Protein backbone atom coordinates (compact mmCIF):
# COMPACT_ATOMS: atom_id res chain seq x y z
CA MET A 1 4.30 68.62 3.02
CA GLN A 2 2.44 69.30 0.56
CA THR A 3 2.45 64.65 -0.20
CA ILE A 4 1.78 63.82 3.29
CA ILE A 5 -1.08 65.80 3.49
CA GLU A 6 -2.61 65.09 0.23
CA ASN A 7 -1.38 61.24 1.75
CA LEU A 8 -3.24 61.79 5.00
CA GLU A 9 -6.56 63.50 3.33
CA ALA A 10 -6.55 60.06 0.60
CA THR A 11 -6.32 57.45 3.39
CA LEU A 12 -8.94 59.92 4.91
CA THR A 13 -11.10 59.94 2.36
CA ASP A 14 -10.30 56.40 1.12
CA ARG A 15 -10.50 54.64 4.81
CA LEU A 16 -13.42 56.11 6.26
CA PRO A 17 -16.38 54.13 4.58
CA GLN A 18 -14.28 50.86 5.38
CA LEU A 19 -13.73 51.02 8.87
CA LEU A 20 -17.51 52.58 9.62
CA ALA A 21 -18.64 49.38 7.39
CA ILE A 22 -17.33 46.92 10.12
CA PRO A 23 -19.08 45.26 12.99
CA GLU A 24 -18.93 46.19 16.02
CA ASP A 25 -18.57 42.44 17.43
CA VAL A 26 -15.55 42.32 14.56
CA TYR A 27 -13.56 45.55 16.23
CA SER A 28 -14.26 44.45 20.00
CA ALA A 29 -12.89 40.82 19.65
CA LYS A 30 -9.82 40.34 21.01
CA PRO A 31 -6.93 37.46 19.53
CA ASN A 32 -6.12 36.64 23.48
CA PRO A 33 -6.07 38.86 26.48
CA ALA A 34 -2.77 40.12 26.38
CA LYS A 35 -3.62 41.88 22.36
CA TRP A 36 -5.22 45.07 21.43
CA SER A 37 -8.89 44.38 19.84
CA LYS A 38 -8.89 46.32 17.15
CA LYS A 39 -11.49 48.83 18.64
CA GLU A 40 -8.06 49.11 20.57
CA ILE A 41 -5.94 49.82 18.36
CA LEU A 42 -8.67 52.55 17.04
CA GLY A 43 -8.18 53.77 19.85
CA HIS A 44 -4.82 53.68 20.15
CA LEU A 45 -4.59 55.94 16.27
CA VAL A 46 -6.75 58.49 18.30
CA ASP A 47 -3.17 59.01 21.29
CA SER A 48 -1.69 58.78 18.55
CA ALA A 49 -2.67 62.02 17.23
CA GLN A 50 -3.47 63.74 20.14
CA ALA A 51 0.15 63.29 20.22
CA ASN A 52 1.01 64.43 17.05
CA ILE A 53 -1.46 67.16 17.59
CA ARG A 54 1.50 68.18 20.11
CA ARG A 55 3.92 67.35 18.47
CA PHE A 56 2.90 69.65 15.45
CA VAL A 57 1.92 73.00 17.19
CA VAL A 58 4.59 72.87 19.89
CA ALA A 59 7.72 72.09 18.43
CA GLN A 60 6.73 75.29 16.09
CA TYR A 61 7.35 77.46 18.90
CA GLU A 62 9.37 75.64 21.90
CA SER A 63 13.66 74.70 21.38
CA GLN A 64 12.90 71.31 21.04
CA PRO A 65 10.18 69.97 22.76
CA TYR A 66 10.55 66.37 24.38
CA ILE A 67 6.50 65.01 23.38
CA VAL A 68 6.40 61.50 24.81
CA TYR A 69 3.13 59.42 25.67
CA ASN A 70 3.39 55.42 27.53
CA GLN A 71 0.36 54.22 24.41
CA ASP A 72 -0.72 51.02 26.55
CA LYS A 73 -1.45 53.57 30.24
CA TRP A 74 -3.33 55.75 26.86
CA VAL A 75 -5.70 52.59 25.79
CA THR A 76 -6.33 51.72 28.93
CA ALA A 77 -7.03 54.89 30.77
CA SER A 78 -9.02 55.58 27.89
CA GLY A 79 -11.20 52.39 28.15
CA TYR A 80 -11.96 52.66 24.16
CA GLN A 81 -13.59 48.36 24.84
CA GLN A 82 -16.23 50.18 26.15
CA TRP A 83 -16.38 53.13 24.14
CA PRO A 84 -19.17 52.61 21.49
CA VAL A 85 -16.49 52.39 18.26
CA GLU A 86 -18.87 54.80 15.86
CA ASP A 87 -17.55 57.69 18.04
CA ILE A 88 -14.07 55.82 18.16
CA ILE A 89 -13.63 55.92 14.15
CA ARG A 90 -15.67 59.82 14.07
CA LEU A 91 -13.12 60.89 16.99
CA TRP A 92 -9.96 59.05 14.89
CA PHE A 93 -11.59 60.95 11.18
CA LEU A 94 -11.62 64.88 13.05
CA LEU A 95 -7.75 64.62 14.96
CA ASN A 96 -6.77 64.13 11.54
CA LYS A 97 -8.75 66.15 9.82
CA GLN A 98 -6.99 68.96 12.25
CA ILE A 99 -4.11 67.59 11.64
CA CYS A 100 -4.09 68.07 8.24
CA GLU A 101 -4.86 71.28 8.55
CA ILE A 102 -1.89 72.28 11.03
CA LEU A 103 0.03 71.05 8.76
CA LYS A 104 -1.37 73.03 5.94
CA ASN A 105 -0.63 76.03 8.15
CA MET A 106 3.07 74.88 9.27
CA SER A 107 5.49 77.05 7.00
CA PRO A 108 8.69 75.14 5.73
CA ASP A 109 10.98 76.15 8.20
CA ALA A 110 8.38 75.44 10.81
CA ALA A 111 8.20 71.88 9.22
CA GLN A 112 12.12 72.16 9.38
CA ARG A 113 12.55 72.01 13.81
CA ILE A 114 13.26 70.05 15.90
CA CYS A 115 11.05 68.19 18.76
CA LEU A 116 12.41 65.27 20.58
CA THR A 117 10.63 62.15 20.35
CA GLU A 118 13.23 58.68 21.61
CA SER A 119 15.34 60.75 19.44
CA PRO A 120 15.75 63.93 17.73
CA HIS A 121 13.22 64.50 14.24
CA LYS A 122 12.67 67.47 11.80
CA LEU A 123 8.55 68.04 12.14
CA GLU A 124 8.69 67.06 8.49
CA TRP A 125 10.22 63.93 9.28
CA LEU A 126 7.48 63.09 12.29
CA ALA A 127 5.25 63.64 9.88
CA ALA A 128 5.52 61.46 7.27
CA ASP A 129 6.20 58.81 10.07
CA TYR A 130 2.85 59.71 11.68
CA ILE A 131 1.33 58.27 7.74
CA ARG A 132 3.06 55.74 8.13
CA HIS A 133 2.42 54.36 11.47
CA LEU A 134 -1.35 55.02 10.88
CA GLN A 135 -1.04 52.99 7.25
CA HIS A 136 0.37 50.15 9.07
CA HIS A 137 -2.65 50.21 12.89
CA LEU A 138 -5.00 50.34 9.66
CA HIS A 139 -3.91 47.64 7.52
CA VAL A 140 -4.15 45.73 11.01
CA ILE A 141 -7.61 46.82 11.19
CA LEU A 142 -9.14 46.64 8.19
CA ASP A 143 -7.16 42.92 6.75
CA LEU A 144 -4.92 44.23 4.74
CA GLU A 145 -1.79 43.19 3.67
CA PRO A 146 0.79 44.06 6.56
CA ILE A 147 3.42 46.92 6.30
CA ASN A 148 5.71 47.05 8.71
CA TYR A 149 6.92 49.52 10.85
CA PRO A 150 9.09 49.90 13.32
């Protein structure tokens, strides 16, 4: 779990200045009406962090909780396109700091507990998958080389 935590902390340190350097109009531009803007992708990362905080906490004390969310409905309901982008970035950053603390406090036994998403996974696997998902979307926002993510 230590490697996962270090990876997330490094991502926050490295990417925060890059995210803050992108102008608001670039964040707000939609490639087409059916696609998310970079601002909405960042909002999706906020929603993902919230869903995963719940997974990482609840699965430590409940037996195999089922925790999923509808990403499109969450982005729509939150209206991220109307938010100031700096607010979304700060929220994303703080939620991920919270994830780091939760993971640091998680015992090795708790990391092996199961949470049901689309299928059952250990919390340790979900934490590693969370980082892969985060990196995938950050590469899209920052126009970096794509990272494949299912």
